[in-house]
Amino acid sequence: MRNVIPDRRADAGWSQQRLADELGVSRQTVISIEKGHFDPSLPLAFRLAAIFACRIEDLFFPEGGE
């Protein structure tokens, strides 16, 4: 699954560590999500959407779609 988390995070002016702190996860988890190596759990995806004030579907896309 692809995502736009790095773009949203950069737009907010946040570091990976700041996002990790807001989510209550490690920086490594944020890195893995941003690189598409790890798909977040549904509760974590909802927290990401809430932080960026958007829908989950605005952050994550199936491979080949956007």
N, C-alpha and C. Protein backbone atom coordinates (compact mmCIF):
# COMPACT_ATOMS: atom_id res chain seq x y z
N MET A 1 0.84 -1.16 0.00
CA MET A 1 0.00 0.00 0.00
C MET A 1 0.90 1.24 0.00
N ARG A 2 0.56 2.18 -0.84
CA ARG A 2 1.30 3.45 -0.90
C ARG A 2 0.63 4.46 0.02
N ASN A 3 1.38 5.50 0.38
CA ASN A 3 0.81 6.52 1.24
C ASN A 3 1.45 7.88 0.99
N VAL A 4 0.79 8.90 1.50
CA VAL A 4 1.29 10.27 1.37
C VAL A 4 1.68 10.84 2.74
N ILE A 5 1.97 9.95 3.68
CA ILE A 5 2.34 10.39 5.02
C ILE A 5 3.55 11.34 5.00
N PRO A 6 4.62 11.02 4.25
CA PRO A 6 5.76 11.96 4.26
C PRO A 6 5.38 13.36 3.77
N ASP A 7 4.50 13.43 2.79
CA ASP A 7 4.07 14.74 2.28
C ASP A 7 3.26 15.49 3.32
N ARG A 8 2.31 14.80 3.95
CA ARG A 8 1.47 15.44 4.98
C ARG A 8 2.33 15.88 6.16
N ARG A 9 3.27 15.04 6.55
CA ARG A 9 4.15 15.36 7.67
C ARG A 9 5.00 16.59 7.33
N ALA A 10 5.56 16.63 6.12
CA ALA A 10 6.36 17.78 5.70
C ALA A 10 5.52 19.05 5.63
N ASP A 11 4.30 18.94 5.13
CA ASP A 11 3.41 20.10 5.06
C ASP A 11 3.14 20.66 6.46
N ALA A 12 3.09 19.77 7.45
CA ALA A 12 2.85 20.20 8.83
C ALA A 12 4.13 20.73 9.48
N GLY A 13 5.28 20.52 8.82
CA GLY A 13 6.54 20.96 9.37
C GLY A 13 7.03 20.08 10.52
N TRP A 14 6.60 18.82 10.51
CA TRP A 14 6.93 17.90 11.60
C TRP A 14 8.06 16.97 11.19
N SER A 15 8.86 16.61 12.17
CA SER A 15 9.88 15.57 11.97
C SER A 15 9.22 14.21 12.13
N GLN A 16 9.93 13.18 11.72
CA GLN A 16 9.43 11.82 11.95
C GLN A 16 9.27 11.55 13.44
N GLN A 17 10.18 12.08 14.24
CA GLN A 17 10.08 11.87 15.69
C GLN A 17 8.86 12.55 16.28
N ARG A 18 8.55 13.75 15.81
CA ARG A 18 7.36 14.45 16.32
C ARG A 18 6.10 13.66 15.99
N LEU A 19 6.01 13.15 14.75
CA LEU A 19 4.85 12.35 14.38
C LEU A 19 4.79 11.09 15.23
N ALA A 20 5.92 10.45 15.44
CA ALA A 20 5.96 9.25 16.27
C ALA A 20 5.46 9.56 17.68
N ASP A 21 5.91 10.68 18.24
CA ASP A 21 5.47 11.08 19.57
C ASP A 21 3.97 11.32 19.62
N GLU A 22 3.44 11.98 18.61
CA GLU A 22 2.00 12.24 18.55
C GLU A 22 1.19 10.95 18.47
N LEU A 23 1.75 9.96 17.75
CA LEU A 23 1.06 8.68 17.56
C LEU A 23 1.30 7.70 18.71
N GLY A 24 2.33 7.95 19.50
CA GLY A 24 2.68 7.02 20.57
C GLY A 24 3.36 5.76 20.05
N VAL A 25 4.14 5.93 18.96
CA VAL A 25 4.88 4.81 18.38
C VAL A 25 6.34 5.22 18.25
N SER A 26 7.18 4.30 17.84
CA SER A 26 8.59 4.61 17.65
C SER A 26 8.81 5.34 16.31
N ARG A 27 9.93 6.04 16.23
CA ARG A 27 10.30 6.69 14.97
C ARG A 27 10.47 5.64 13.88
N GLN A 28 11.00 4.47 14.24
CA GLN A 28 11.18 3.38 13.27
C GLN A 28 9.84 2.95 12.68
N THR A 29 8.79 2.96 13.47
CA THR A 29 7.46 2.62 12.95
C THR A 29 7.02 3.64 11.91
N VAL A 30 7.24 4.92 12.20
CA VAL A 30 6.88 5.98 11.23
C VAL A 30 7.68 5.80 9.95
N ILE A 31 8.97 5.53 10.07
CA ILE A 31 9.82 5.31 8.89
C ILE A 31 9.28 4.14 8.07
N SER A 32 8.94 3.05 8.74
CA SER A 32 8.43 1.85 8.04
C SER A 32 7.11 2.12 7.33
N ILE A 33 6.24 2.89 7.97
CA ILE A 33 4.96 3.25 7.34
C ILE A 33 5.22 4.12 6.12
N GLU A 34 6.05 5.15 6.29
CA GLU A 34 6.32 6.08 5.19
C GLU A 34 6.93 5.36 3.98
N LYS A 35 7.78 4.39 4.22
CA LYS A 35 8.42 3.66 3.12
C LYS A 35 7.53 2.56 2.55
N GLY A 36 6.37 2.33 3.15
CA GLY A 36 5.48 1.30 2.66
C GLY A 36 5.89 -0.10 3.07
N HIS A 37 6.78 -0.21 4.05
CA HIS A 37 7.22 -1.53 4.52
C HIS A 37 6.29 -2.10 5.57
N PHE A 38 5.43 -1.24 6.13
CA PHE A 38 4.53 -1.64 7.21
C PHE A 38 3.20 -0.94 7.00
N ASP A 39 2.12 -1.72 6.98
CA ASP A 39 0.78 -1.14 6.91
C ASP A 39 0.27 -1.00 8.34
N PRO A 40 -0.16 0.20 8.73
CA PRO A 40 -0.58 0.41 10.11
C PRO A 40 -1.87 -0.34 10.42
N SER A 41 -2.05 -0.62 11.69
CA SER A 41 -3.32 -1.20 12.14
C SER A 41 -4.42 -0.18 11.89
N LEU A 42 -5.65 -0.62 11.91
CA LEU A 42 -6.77 0.30 11.69
C LEU A 42 -6.81 1.41 12.75
N PRO A 43 -6.62 1.10 14.04
CA PRO A 43 -6.60 2.19 15.02
C PRO A 43 -5.48 3.21 14.75
N LEU A 44 -4.31 2.74 14.34
CA LEU A 44 -3.21 3.65 14.03
C LEU A 44 -3.53 4.47 12.79
N ALA A 45 -4.14 3.86 11.80
CA ALA A 45 -4.55 4.60 10.59
C ALA A 45 -5.56 5.68 10.94
N PHE A 46 -6.50 5.38 11.84
CA PHE A 46 -7.46 6.39 12.27
C PHE A 46 -6.77 7.53 13.01
N ARG A 47 -5.76 7.23 13.83
CA ARG A 47 -5.02 8.28 14.53
C ARG A 47 -4.28 9.16 13.54
N LEU A 48 -3.67 8.54 12.52
CA LEU A 48 -2.99 9.33 11.49
C LEU A 48 -3.98 10.26 10.79
N ALA A 49 -5.14 9.74 10.43
CA ALA A 49 -6.14 10.56 9.75
C ALA A 49 -6.60 11.71 10.66
N ALA A 50 -6.77 11.44 11.94
CA ALA A 50 -7.19 12.48 12.87
C ALA A 50 -6.11 13.56 13.00
N ILE A 51 -4.86 13.16 13.09
CA ILE A 51 -3.77 14.12 13.21
C ILE A 51 -3.71 15.03 11.99
N PHE A 52 -3.92 14.47 10.80
CA PHE A 52 -3.85 15.26 9.58
C PHE A 52 -5.21 15.78 9.12
N ALA A 53 -6.24 15.59 9.96
CA ALA A 53 -7.59 16.10 9.69
C ALA A 53 -8.09 15.71 8.30
N CYS A 54 -8.00 14.41 8.03
CA CYS A 54 -8.49 13.91 6.74
C CYS A 54 -9.01 12.49 6.92
N ARG A 55 -9.41 11.88 5.84
CA ARG A 55 -9.89 10.50 5.87
C ARG A 55 -8.71 9.55 5.64
N ILE A 56 -8.86 8.34 6.12
CA ILE A 56 -7.84 7.32 5.89
C ILE A 56 -7.58 7.17 4.40
N GLU A 57 -8.63 7.24 3.61
CA GLU A 57 -8.51 7.07 2.15
C GLU A 57 -7.70 8.20 1.50
N ASP A 58 -7.56 9.32 2.21
CA ASP A 58 -6.75 10.42 1.70
C ASP A 58 -5.26 10.19 1.96
N LEU A 59 -4.95 9.24 2.82
CA LEU A 59 -3.55 8.96 3.20
C LEU A 59 -2.99 7.70 2.55
N PHE A 60 -3.84 6.69 2.35
CA PHE A 60 -3.38 5.39 1.88
C PHE A 60 -4.07 5.00 0.58
N PHE A 61 -3.28 4.38 -0.32
CA PHE A 61 -3.79 3.98 -1.62
C PHE A 61 -3.31 2.58 -1.95
N PRO A 62 -4.14 1.79 -2.63
CA PRO A 62 -3.65 0.48 -3.08
C PRO A 62 -2.52 0.69 -4.09
N GLU A 63 -1.65 -0.28 -4.20
CA GLU A 63 -0.57 -0.18 -5.20
C GLU A 63 -1.16 0.11 -6.57
N GLY A 64 -0.58 1.07 -7.26
CA GLY A 64 -1.03 1.40 -8.60
C GLY A 64 -2.15 2.41 -8.65
N GLY A 65 -2.67 2.85 -7.49
CA GLY A 65 -3.76 3.81 -7.49
C GLY A 65 -3.43 5.02 -6.64
N GLU A 66 -4.07 6.13 -6.96
CA GLU A 66 -3.94 7.32 -6.10
C GLU A 66 -5.09 8.24 -6.39
